[in-house]
Amino acid sequence: MAVSNEQLAQRQNLFRDANERIEYAATVVGHKGLRPFICECSLDGCLERIEVETEFYEVVRGHAARFLTLPGHEIIEIENVVTRRDGYQVVEKMNAFAEIATSGNPRR
């Protein structure tokens, strides 16, 4: 069964929620420096890790429609790459998909 673009966008919300828990746990134990996060893409079966500085993670989380992904993991029908870094990138949802991302934002 084919997955809709809406389902793909909702899947990214799930990975963002998981990364919020990782961020919280790392903060509680006082972990400094790079933190391991799960790629927040919609690709089936992707559970690859991205290491990101806490400060940059917070910048990404400041935009409810943005997600951390690995290069090449963007879905051009529903998102644009807004930042490229060594080993990862930030994508931003477009149109109705931005609304799905915003409504699923745990930091609302």
PDB file of N, CA and C in Angstrom:
ATOM      1  N   MET A   1       0.838  -1.174   0.000  1.00  0.00           N
ATOM      2  CA  MET A   1       0.000   0.000   0.000  1.00  0.00           C
ATOM      3  C   MET A   1       0.887   1.243   0.000  1.00  0.00           C
ATOM      4  N   ALA A   2       0.572   2.185  -0.860  1.00  0.00           N
ATOM      5  CA  ALA A   2       1.349   3.408  -0.977  1.00  0.00           C
ATOM      6  C   ALA A   2       1.107   4.307   0.228  1.00  0.00           C
ATOM      7  N   VAL A   3       2.141   4.991   0.638  1.00  0.00           N
ATOM      8  CA  VAL A   3       2.052   5.920   1.757  1.00  0.00           C
ATOM      9  C   VAL A   3       1.813   7.314   1.190  1.00  0.00           C
ATOM     10  N   SER A   4       0.848   8.035   1.756  1.00  0.00           N
ATOM     11  CA  SER A   4       0.542   9.381   1.280  1.00  0.00           C
ATOM     12  C   SER A   4       1.588  10.376   1.780  1.00  0.00           C
ATOM     13  N   ASN A   5       1.659  11.519   1.123  1.00  0.00           N
ATOM     14  CA  ASN A   5       2.563  12.575   1.566  1.00  0.00           C
ATOM     15  C   ASN A   5       2.200  13.052   2.968  1.00  0.00           C
ATOM     16  N   GLU A   6       0.920  13.030   3.298  1.00  0.00           N
ATOM     17  CA  GLU A   6       0.493  13.402   4.646  1.00  0.00           C
ATOM     18  C   GLU A   6       1.051  12.422   5.676  1.00  0.00           C
ATOM     19  N   GLN A   7       1.012  11.139   5.360  1.00  0.00           N
ATOM     20  CA  GLN A   7       1.564  10.128   6.265  1.00  0.00           C
ATOM     21  C   GLN A   7       3.077  10.291   6.404  1.00  0.00           C
ATOM     22  N   LEU A   8       3.739  10.659   5.309  1.00  0.00           N
ATOM     23  CA  LEU A   8       5.180  10.898   5.367  1.00  0.00           C
ATOM     24  C   LEU A   8       5.482  12.068   6.301  1.00  0.00           C
ATOM     25  N   ALA A   9       4.706  13.122   6.192  1.00  0.00           N
ATOM     26  CA  ALA A   9       4.910  14.290   7.058  1.00  0.00           C
ATOM     27  C   ALA A   9       4.656  13.929   8.519  1.00  0.00           C
ATOM     28  N   GLN A  10       3.629  13.138   8.785  1.00  0.00           N
ATOM     29  CA  GLN A  10       3.336  12.721  10.157  1.00  0.00           C
ATOM     30  C   GLN A  10       4.432  11.815  10.708  1.00  0.00           C
ATOM     31  N   ARG A  11       5.035  11.005   9.857  1.00  0.00           N
ATOM     32  CA  ARG A  11       6.135  10.135  10.285  1.00  0.00           C
ATOM     33  C   ARG A  11       7.296  10.981  10.804  1.00  0.00           C
ATOM     34  N   GLN A  12       7.567  12.096  10.137  1.00  0.00           N
ATOM     35  CA  GLN A  12       8.647  12.965  10.593  1.00  0.00           C
ATOM     36  C   GLN A  12       8.341  13.547  11.971  1.00  0.00           C
ATOM     37  N   ASN A  13       7.077  13.829  12.232  1.00  0.00           N
ATOM     38  CA  ASN A  13       6.710  14.306  13.565  1.00  0.00           C
ATOM     39  C   ASN A  13       7.074  13.275  14.631  1.00  0.00           C
ATOM     40  N   LEU A  14       6.899  11.998  14.327  1.00  0.00           N
ATOM     41  CA  LEU A  14       7.251  10.944  15.287  1.00  0.00           C
ATOM     42  C   LEU A  14       8.743  10.937  15.598  1.00  0.00           C
ATOM     43  N   PHE A  15       9.580  11.104  14.559  1.00  0.00           N
ATOM     44  CA  PHE A  15      11.027  11.119  14.780  1.00  0.00           C
ATOM     45  C   PHE A  15      11.440  12.376  15.538  1.00  0.00           C
ATOM     46  N   ARG A  16      10.771  13.497  15.254  1.00  0.00           N
ATOM     47  CA  ARG A  16      11.069  14.721  16.006  1.00  0.00           C
ATOM     48  C   ARG A  16      10.740  14.500  17.481  1.00  0.00           C
ATOM     49  N   ASP A  17       9.619  13.858  17.783  1.00  0.00           N
ATOM     50  CA  ASP A  17       9.260  13.567  19.175  1.00  0.00           C
ATOM     51  C   ASP A  17      10.317  12.692  19.844  1.00  0.00           C
ATOM     52  N   ALA A  18      10.807  11.693  19.136  1.00  0.00           N
ATOM     53  CA  ALA A  18      11.859  10.829  19.692  1.00  0.00           C
ATOM     54  C   ALA A  18      13.112  11.638  19.978  1.00  0.00           C
ATOM     55  N   ASN A  19      13.477  12.535  19.080  1.00  0.00           N
ATOM     56  CA  ASN A  19      14.668  13.357  19.287  1.00  0.00           C
ATOM     57  C   ASN A  19      14.492  14.334  20.438  1.00  0.00           C
ATOM     58  N   GLU A  20      13.279  14.786  20.661  1.00  0.00           N
ATOM     59  CA  GLU A  20      13.024  15.645  21.818  1.00  0.00           C
ATOM     60  C   GLU A  20      13.299  14.876  23.110  1.00  0.00           C
ATOM     61  N   ARG A  21      12.943  13.599  23.137  1.00  0.00           N
ATOM     62  CA  ARG A  21      13.223  12.771  24.316  1.00  0.00           C
ATOM     63  C   ARG A  21      14.728  12.553  24.492  1.00  0.00           C
ATOM     64  N   ILE A  22      15.426  12.342  23.371  1.00  0.00           N
ATOM     65  CA  ILE A  22      16.887  12.197  23.424  1.00  0.00           C
ATOM     66  C   ILE A  22      17.512  13.471  23.974  1.00  0.00           C
ATOM     67  N   GLU A  23      17.070  14.607  23.484  1.00  0.00           N
ATOM     68  CA  GLU A  23      17.596  15.901  23.939  1.00  0.00           C
ATOM     69  C   GLU A  23      17.339  16.089  25.433  1.00  0.00           C
ATOM     70  N   TYR A  24      16.148  15.763  25.874  1.00  0.00           N
ATOM     71  CA  TYR A  24      15.810  15.899  27.293  1.00  0.00           C
ATOM     72  C   TYR A  24      16.705  15.003  28.154  1.00  0.00           C
ATOM     73  N   ALA A  25      16.849  13.747  27.755  1.00  0.00           N
ATOM     74  CA  ALA A  25      17.671  12.804  28.525  1.00  0.00           C
ATOM     75  C   ALA A  25      19.125  13.267  28.575  1.00  0.00           C
ATOM     76  N   ALA A  26      19.648  13.741  27.449  1.00  0.00           N
ATOM     77  CA  ALA A  26      21.034  14.208  27.414  1.00  0.00           C
ATOM     78  C   ALA A  26      21.217  15.418  28.325  1.00  0.00           C
ATOM     79  N   THR A  27      20.228  16.283  28.370  1.00  0.00           N
ATOM     80  CA  THR A  27      20.290  17.451  29.249  1.00  0.00           C
ATOM     81  C   THR A  27      20.268  17.034  30.712  1.00  0.00           C
ATOM     82  N   VAL A  28      19.401  16.092  31.052  1.00  0.00           N
ATOM     83  CA  VAL A  28      19.268  15.630  32.437  1.00  0.00           C
ATOM     84  C   VAL A  28      20.585  15.039  32.948  1.00  0.00           C
ATOM     85  N   VAL A  29      21.261  14.258  32.106  1.00  0.00           N
ATOM     86  CA  VAL A  29      22.516  13.633  32.550  1.00  0.00           C
ATOM     87  C   VAL A  29      23.725  14.544  32.351  1.00  0.00           C
ATOM     88  N   GLY A  30      23.499  15.727  31.785  1.00  0.00           N
ATOM     89  CA  GLY A  30      24.583  16.690  31.635  1.00  0.00           C
ATOM     90  C   GLY A  30      25.524  16.429  30.481  1.00  0.00           C
ATOM     91  N   HIS A  31      25.074  15.708  29.478  1.00  0.00           N
ATOM     92  CA  HIS A  31      25.906  15.431  28.306  1.00  0.00           C
ATOM     93  C   HIS A  31      26.180  16.720  27.549  1.00  0.00           C
ATOM     94  N   LYS A  32      27.441  16.963  27.220  1.00  0.00           N
ATOM     95  CA  LYS A  32      27.853  18.178  26.498  1.00  0.00           C
ATOM     96  C   LYS A  32      28.349  17.805  25.104  1.00  0.00           C
ATOM     97  N   GLY A  33      28.425  18.774  24.235  1.00  0.00           N
ATOM     98  CA  GLY A  33      28.986  18.568  22.905  1.00  0.00           C
ATOM     99  C   GLY A  33      27.981  17.994  21.930  1.00  0.00           C
ATOM    100  N   LEU A  34      28.487  17.183  21.005  1.00  0.00           N
ATOM    101  CA  LEU A  34      27.632  16.568  19.999  1.00  0.00           C
ATOM    102  C   LEU A  34      26.666  15.590  20.642  1.00  0.00           C
ATOM    103  N   ARG A  35      25.445  15.608  20.148  1.00  0.00           N
ATOM    104  CA  ARG A  35      24.432  14.669  20.649  1.00  0.00           C
ATOM    105  C   ARG A  35      23.906  13.846  19.487  1.00  0.00           C
ATOM    106  N   PRO A  36      23.655  12.568  19.745  1.00  0.00           N
ATOM    107  CA  PRO A  36      23.144  11.706  18.673  1.00  0.00           C
ATOM    108  C   PRO A  36      21.632  11.844  18.536  1.00  0.00           C
ATOM    109  N   PHE A  37      21.198  12.128  17.327  1.00  0.00           N
ATOM    110  CA  PHE A  37      19.777  12.220  17.028  1.00  0.00           C
ATOM    111  C   PHE A  37      19.450  11.256  15.902  1.00  0.00           C
ATOM    112  N   ILE A  38      18.181  10.916  15.784  1.00  0.00           N
ATOM    113  CA  ILE A  38      17.702  10.050  14.708  1.00  0.00           C
ATOM    114  C   ILE A  38      17.383  10.933  13.506  1.00  0.00           C
ATOM    115  N   CYS A  39      17.754  10.492  12.319  1.00  0.00           N
ATOM    116  CA  CYS A  39      17.387  11.195  11.104  1.00  0.00           C
ATOM    117  C   CYS A  39      15.865  11.358  11.095  1.00  0.00           C
ATOM    118  N   GLU A  40      15.399  12.574  10.867  1.00  0.00           N
ATOM    119  CA  GLU A  40      13.971  12.864  10.917  1.00  0.00           C
ATOM    120  C   GLU A  40      13.317  12.807   9.538  1.00  0.00           C
ATOM    121  N   CYS A  41      13.861  11.993   8.675  1.00  0.00           N
ATOM    122  CA  CYS A  41      13.297  11.862   7.325  1.00  0.00           C
ATOM    123  C   CYS A  41      12.081  10.948   7.337  1.00  0.00           C
ATOM    124  N   SER A  42      11.452  10.837   6.177  1.00  0.00           N
ATOM    125  CA  SER A  42      10.270   9.981   6.024  1.00  0.00           C
ATOM    126  C   SER A  42      10.570   8.685   5.301  1.00  0.00           C
ATOM    127  N   LEU A  43      11.838   8.418   5.020  1.00  0.00           N
ATOM    128  CA  LEU A  43      12.175   7.215   4.266  1.00  0.00           C
ATOM    129  C   LEU A  43      11.904   5.969   5.096  1.00  0.00           C
ATOM    130  N   ASP A  44      11.253   5.019   4.484  1.00  0.00           N
ATOM    131  CA  ASP A  44      10.884   3.780   5.157  1.00  0.00           C
ATOM    132  C   ASP A  44      12.126   3.055   5.661  1.00  0.00           C
ATOM    133  N   GLY A  45      12.159   2.752   6.938  1.00  0.00           N
ATOM    134  CA  GLY A  45      13.251   1.979   7.519  1.00  0.00           C
ATOM    135  C   GLY A  45      14.460   2.782   7.951  1.00  0.00           C
ATOM    136  N   CYS A  46      14.477   4.084   7.709  1.00  0.00           N
ATOM    137  CA  CYS A  46      15.648   4.880   8.101  1.00  0.00           C
ATOM    138  C   CYS A  46      15.633   5.117   9.603  1.00  0.00           C
ATOM    139  N   LEU A  47      16.695   4.681  10.246  1.00  0.00           N
ATOM    140  CA  LEU A  47      16.931   4.963  11.660  1.00  0.00           C
ATOM    141  C   LEU A  47      18.383   5.407  11.847  1.00  0.00           C
ATOM    142  N   GLU A  48      18.924   6.046  10.800  1.00  0.00           N
ATOM    143  CA  GLU A  48      20.315   6.460  10.857  1.00  0.00           C
ATOM    144  C   GLU A  48      20.496   7.601  11.847  1.00  0.00           C
ATOM    145  N   ARG A  49      21.716   7.723  12.333  1.00  0.00           N
ATOM    146  CA  ARG A  49      22.033   8.694  13.370  1.00  0.00           C
ATOM    147  C   ARG A  49      22.721   9.921  12.777  1.00  0.00           C
ATOM    148  N   ILE A  50      22.393  11.061  13.358  1.00  0.00           N
ATOM    149  CA  ILE A  50      23.015  12.337  13.015  1.00  0.00           C
ATOM    150  C   ILE A  50      23.551  12.925  14.312  1.00  0.00           C
ATOM    151  N   GLU A  51      24.800  13.352  14.319  1.00  0.00           N
ATOM    152  CA  GLU A  51      25.351  13.996  15.512  1.00  0.00           C
ATOM    153  C   GLU A  51      25.365  15.503  15.290  1.00  0.00           C
ATOM    154  N   VAL A  52      24.740  16.213  16.234  1.00  0.00           N
ATOM    155  CA  VAL A  52      24.540  17.656  16.091  1.00  0.00           C
ATOM    156  C   VAL A  52      24.830  18.338  17.425  1.00  0.00           C
ATOM    157  N   GLU A  53      25.420  19.531  17.351  1.00  0.00           N
ATOM    158  CA  GLU A  53      25.615  20.347  18.553  1.00  0.00           C
ATOM    159  C   GLU A  53      24.258  20.763  19.104  1.00  0.00           C
ATOM    160  N   THR A  54      24.146  20.806  20.416  1.00  0.00           N
ATOM    161  CA  THR A  54      22.897  21.177  21.071  1.00  0.00           C
ATOM    162  C   THR A  54      22.385  22.530  20.593  1.00  0.00           C
ATOM    163  N   GLU A  55      23.276  23.490  20.443  1.00  0.00           N
ATOM    164  CA  GLU A  55      22.866  24.834  20.039  1.00  0.00           C
ATOM    165  C   GLU A  55      22.206  24.811  18.660  1.00  0.00           C
ATOM    166  N   PHE A  56      22.758  24.041  17.733  1.00  0.00           N
ATOM    167  CA  PHE A  56      22.168  23.977  16.398  1.00  0.00           C
ATOM    168  C   PHE A  56      20.830  23.242  16.443  1.00  0.00           C
ATOM    169  N   TYR A  57      20.748  22.197  17.237  1.00  0.00           N
ATOM    170  CA  TYR A  57      19.487  21.483  17.390  1.00  0.00           C
ATOM    171  C   TYR A  57      18.395  22.445  17.852  1.00  0.00           C
ATOM    172  N   GLU A  58      18.727  23.307  18.790  1.00  0.00           N
ATOM    173  CA  GLU A  58      17.754  24.274  19.299  1.00  0.00           C
ATOM    174  C   GLU A  58      17.337  25.273  18.222  1.00  0.00           C
ATOM    175  N   VAL A  59      18.257  25.652  17.357  1.00  0.00           N
ATOM    176  CA  VAL A  59      17.919  26.548  16.244  1.00  0.00           C
ATOM    177  C   VAL A  59      16.904  25.866  15.324  1.00  0.00           C
ATOM    178  N   VAL A  60      17.144  24.607  15.006  1.00  0.00           N
ATOM    179  CA  VAL A  60      16.211  23.854  14.150  1.00  0.00           C
ATOM    180  C   VAL A  60      14.849  23.766  14.826  1.00  0.00           C
ATOM    181  N   ARG A  61      14.828  23.448  16.118  1.00  0.00           N
ATOM    182  CA  ARG A  61      13.554  23.308  16.837  1.00  0.00           C
ATOM    183  C   ARG A  61      12.818  24.632  16.973  1.00  0.00           C
ATOM    184  N   GLY A  62      13.505  25.744  16.736  1.00  0.00           N
ATOM    185  CA  GLY A  62      12.867  27.054  16.773  1.00  0.00           C
ATOM    186  C   GLY A  62      11.906  27.280  15.617  1.00  0.00           C
ATOM    187  N   HIS A  63      11.907  26.402  14.635  1.00  0.00           N
ATOM    188  CA  HIS A  63      11.030  26.474  13.466  1.00  0.00           C
ATOM    189  C   HIS A  63      10.228  25.178  13.405  1.00  0.00           C
ATOM    190  N   ALA A  64       8.948  25.255  13.670  1.00  0.00           N
ATOM    191  CA  ALA A  64       8.109  24.061  13.784  1.00  0.00           C
ATOM    192  C   ALA A  64       8.032  23.230  12.513  1.00  0.00           C
ATOM    193  N   ALA A  65       8.324  23.811  11.362  1.00  0.00           N
ATOM    194  CA  ALA A  65       8.216  23.075  10.098  1.00  0.00           C
ATOM    195  C   ALA A  65       9.568  22.545   9.613  1.00  0.00           C
ATOM    196  N   ARG A  66      10.595  22.600  10.463  1.00  0.00           N
ATOM    197  CA  ARG A  66      11.936  22.161  10.063  1.00  0.00           C
ATOM    198  C   ARG A  66      12.338  20.872  10.765  1.00  0.00           C
ATOM    199  N   PHE A  67      13.147  20.073  10.018  1.00  0.00           N
ATOM    200  CA  PHE A  67      13.577  18.760  10.499  1.00  0.00           C
ATOM    201  C   PHE A  67      15.026  18.505  10.108  1.00  0.00           C
ATOM    202  N   LEU A  68      15.738  17.736  10.939  1.00  0.00           N
ATOM    203  CA  LEU A  68      17.105  17.297  10.657  1.00  0.00           C
ATOM    204  C   LEU A  68      17.059  16.010   9.835  1.00  0.00           C
ATOM    205  N   THR A  69      17.765  15.982   8.715  1.00  0.00           N
ATOM    206  CA  THR A  69      17.847  14.759   7.923  1.00  0.00           C
ATOM    207  C   THR A  69      19.259  14.584   7.389  1.00  0.00           C
ATOM    208  N   LEU A  70      19.519  13.409   6.902  1.00  0.00           N
ATOM    209  CA  LEU A  70      20.774  13.158   6.212  1.00  0.00           C
ATOM    210  C   LEU A  70      20.668  13.687   4.787  1.00  0.00           C
ATOM    211  N   PRO A  71      21.798  14.060   4.186  1.00  0.00           N
ATOM    212  CA  PRO A  71      21.765  14.513   2.793  1.00  0.00           C
ATOM    213  C   PRO A  71      21.152  13.444   1.889  1.00  0.00           C
ATOM    214  N   GLY A  72      20.272  13.892   0.986  1.00  0.00           N
ATOM    215  CA  GLY A  72      19.617  12.979   0.074  1.00  0.00           C
ATOM    216  C   GLY A  72      18.347  12.366   0.624  1.00  0.00           C
ATOM    217  N   HIS A  73      18.011  12.643   1.864  1.00  0.00           N
ATOM    218  CA  HIS A  73      16.813  12.068   2.479  1.00  0.00           C
ATOM    219  C   HIS A  73      15.606  12.999   2.378  1.00  0.00           C
ATOM    220  N   GLU A  74      15.735  14.083   1.636  1.00  0.00           N
ATOM    221  CA  GLU A  74      14.609  14.997   1.479  1.00  0.00           C
ATOM    222  C   GLU A  74      13.612  14.434   0.460  1.00  0.00           C
ATOM    223  N   ILE A  75      12.362  14.844   0.609  1.00  0.00           N
ATOM    224  CA  ILE A  75      11.311  14.486  -0.339  1.00  0.00           C
ATOM    225  C   ILE A  75      10.856  15.785  -0.974  1.00  0.00           C
ATOM    226  N   ILE A  76      11.297  16.020  -2.208  1.00  0.00           N
ATOM    227  CA  ILE A  76      11.126  17.329  -2.830  1.00  0.00           C
ATOM    228  C   ILE A  76       9.669  17.728  -3.056  1.00  0.00           C
ATOM    229  N   GLU A  77       8.770  16.766  -3.020  1.00  0.00           N
ATOM    230  CA  GLU A  77       7.353  17.098  -3.197  1.00  0.00           C
ATOM    231  C   GLU A  77       6.753  17.777  -1.971  1.00  0.00           C
ATOM    232  N   ILE A  78       7.373  17.614  -0.814  1.00  0.00           N
ATOM    233  CA  ILE A  78       6.775  18.154   0.411  1.00  0.00           C
ATOM    234  C   ILE A  78       7.715  19.033   1.235  1.00  0.00           C
ATOM    235  N   GLU A  79       8.996  19.155   0.836  1.00  0.00           N
ATOM    236  CA  GLU A  79       9.933  19.934   1.641  1.00  0.00           C
ATOM    237  C   GLU A  79      11.082  20.479   0.797  1.00  0.00           C
ATOM    238  N   ASN A  80      11.696  21.543   1.319  1.00  0.00           N
ATOM    239  CA  ASN A  80      12.876  22.151   0.709  1.00  0.00           C
ATOM    240  C   ASN A  80      14.049  22.026   1.664  1.00  0.00           C
ATOM    241  N   VAL A  81      15.255  21.865   1.126  1.00  0.00           N
ATOM    242  CA  VAL A  81      16.465  21.906   1.944  1.00  0.00           C
ATOM    243  C   VAL A  81      16.777  23.378   2.200  1.00  0.00           C
ATOM    244  N   VAL A  82      16.886  23.766   3.475  1.00  0.00           N
ATOM    245  CA  VAL A  82      17.162  25.160   3.816  1.00  0.00           C
ATOM    246  C   VAL A  82      18.580  25.369   4.349  1.00  0.00           C
ATOM    247  N   THR A  83      19.208  24.313   4.848  1.00  0.00           N
ATOM    248  CA  THR A  83      20.582  24.393   5.361  1.00  0.00           C
ATOM    249  C   THR A  83      21.279  23.074   5.088  1.00  0.00           C
ATOM    250  N   ARG A  84      22.509  23.174   4.613  1.00  0.00           N
ATOM    251  CA  ARG A  84      23.337  21.978   4.434  1.00  0.00           C
ATOM    252  C   ARG A  84      24.579  22.139   5.314  1.00  0.00           C
ATOM    253  N   ARG A  85      24.871  21.085   6.054  1.00  0.00           N
ATOM    254  CA  ARG A  85      26.061  21.038   6.903  1.00  0.00           C
ATOM    255  C   ARG A  85      26.803  19.753   6.578  1.00  0.00           C
ATOM    256  N   ASP A  86      27.991  19.616   7.121  1.00  0.00           N
ATOM    257  CA  ASP A  86      28.783  18.414   6.891  1.00  0.00           C
ATOM    258  C   ASP A  86      28.102  17.219   7.565  1.00  0.00           C
ATOM    259  N   GLY A  87      27.502  16.341   6.790  1.00  0.00           N
ATOM    260  CA  GLY A  87      26.906  15.124   7.329  1.00  0.00           C
ATOM    261  C   GLY A  87      25.414  15.191   7.602  1.00  0.00           C
ATOM    262  N   TYR A  88      24.799  16.355   7.491  1.00  0.00           N
ATOM    263  CA  TYR A  88      23.360  16.462   7.707  1.00  0.00           C
ATOM    264  C   TYR A  88      22.834  17.732   7.057  1.00  0.00           C
ATOM    265  N   GLN A  89      21.521  17.842   7.039  1.00  0.00           N
ATOM    266  CA  GLN A  89      20.874  19.017   6.474  1.00  0.00           C
ATOM    267  C   GLN A  89      19.584  19.298   7.243  1.00  0.00           C
ATOM    268  N   VAL A  90      19.017  20.472   6.989  1.00  0.00           N
ATOM    269  CA  VAL A  90      17.738  20.846   7.575  1.00  0.00           C
ATOM    270  C   VAL A  90      16.761  21.036   6.421  1.00  0.00           C
ATOM    271  N   VAL A  91      15.601  20.392   6.543  1.00  0.00           N
ATOM    272  CA  VAL A  91      14.551  20.557   5.543  1.00  0.00           C
ATOM    273  C   VAL A  91      13.373  21.283   6.190  1.00  0.00           C
ATOM    274  N   GLU A  92      12.624  21.980   5.357  1.00  0.00           N
ATOM    275  CA  GLU A  92      11.441  22.688   5.824  1.00  0.00           C
ATOM    276  C   GLU A  92      10.240  22.249   5.007  1.00  0.00           C
ATOM    277  N   LYS A  93       9.193  21.878   5.713  1.00  0.00           N
ATOM    278  CA  LYS A  93       7.948  21.456   5.069  1.00  0.00           C
ATOM    279  C   LYS A  93       7.309  22.636   4.349  1.00  0.00           C
ATOM    280  N   MET A  94       6.601  22.340   3.255  1.00  0.00           N
ATOM    281  CA  MET A  94       5.907  23.351   2.475  1.00  0.00           C
ATOM    282  C   MET A  94       4.392  23.177   2.596  1.00  0.00           C
ATOM    283  N   ASN A  95       3.680  24.272   2.446  1.00  0.00           N
ATOM    284  CA  ASN A  95       2.229  24.298   2.289  1.00  0.00           C
ATOM    285  C   ASN A  95       1.499  23.532   3.389  1.00  0.00           C
ATOM    286  N   ALA A  96       0.592  22.651   2.997  1.00  0.00           N
ATOM    287  CA  ALA A  96      -0.205  21.898   3.972  1.00  0.00           C
ATOM    288  C   ALA A  96       0.682  21.021   4.856  1.00  0.00           C
ATOM    289  N   PHE A  97       1.828  20.609   4.337  1.00  0.00           N
ATOM    290  CA  PHE A  97       2.737  19.762   5.109  1.00  0.00           C
ATOM    291  C   PHE A  97       3.382  20.549   6.238  1.00  0.00           C
ATOM    292  N   ALA A  98       3.563  21.860   6.037  1.00  0.00           N
ATOM    293  CA  ALA A  98       4.055  22.723   7.108  1.00  0.00           C
ATOM    294  C   ALA A  98       3.028  22.783   8.230  1.00  0.00           C
ATOM    295  N   GLU A  99       1.756  22.774   7.872  1.00  0.00           N
ATOM    296  CA  GLU A  99       0.695  22.779   8.883  1.00  0.00           C
ATOM    297  C   GLU A  99       0.708  21.483   9.692  1.00  0.00           C
ATOM    298  N   ILE A 100       0.946  20.355   9.029  1.00  0.00           N
ATOM    299  CA  ILE A 100       1.037  19.068   9.733  1.00  0.00           C
ATOM    300  C   ILE A 100       2.205  19.099  10.710  1.00  0.00           C
ATOM    301  N   ALA A 101       3.333  19.620  10.250  1.00  0.00           N
ATOM    302  CA  ALA A 101       4.520  19.708  11.107  1.00  0.00           C
ATOM    303  C   ALA A 101       4.259  20.623  12.297  1.00  0.00           C
ATOM    304  N   THR A 102       3.643  21.746  12.041  1.00  0.00           N
ATOM    305  CA  THR A 102       3.380  22.715  13.108  1.00  0.00           C
ATOM    306  C   THR A 102       2.396  22.150  14.128  1.00  0.00           C
ATOM    307  N   SER A 103       1.348  21.487  13.648  1.00  0.00           N
ATOM    308  CA  SER A 103       0.354  20.930  14.571  1.00  0.00           C
ATOM    309  C   SER A 103       0.924  19.814  15.420  1.00  0.00           C
ATOM    310  N   GLY A 104       1.955  19.115  14.921  1.00  0.00           N
ATOM    311  CA  GLY A 104       2.582  18.025  15.662  1.00  0.00           C
ATOM    312  C   GLY A 104       3.792  18.437  16.463  1.00  0.00           C
ATOM    313  N   ASN A 105       4.065  19.744  16.522  1.00  0.00           N
ATOM    314  CA  ASN A 105       5.249  20.248  17.220  1.00  0.00           C
ATOM    315  C   ASN A 105       5.080  20.101  18.730  1.00  0.00           C
ATOM    316  N   PRO A 106       5.964  19.330  19.386  1.00  0.00           N
ATOM    317  CA  PRO A 106       5.847  19.153  20.834  1.00  0.00           C
ATOM    318  C   PRO A 106       6.161  20.420  21.627  1.00  0.00           C
ATOM    319  N   ARG A 107       6.744  21.411  20.997  1.00  0.00           N
ATOM    320  CA  ARG A 107       7.083  22.658  21.697  1.00  0.00           C
ATOM    321  C   ARG A 107       6.052  23.770  21.475  1.00  0.00           C
ATOM    322  N   ARG A 108       4.870  23.401  21.060  1.00  0.00           N
ATOM    323  CA  ARG A 108       3.826  24.412  20.835  1.00  0.00           C
ATOM    324  C   ARG A 108       3.536  25.191  22.085  1.00  0.00           C
TER     325      ARG A 108
END
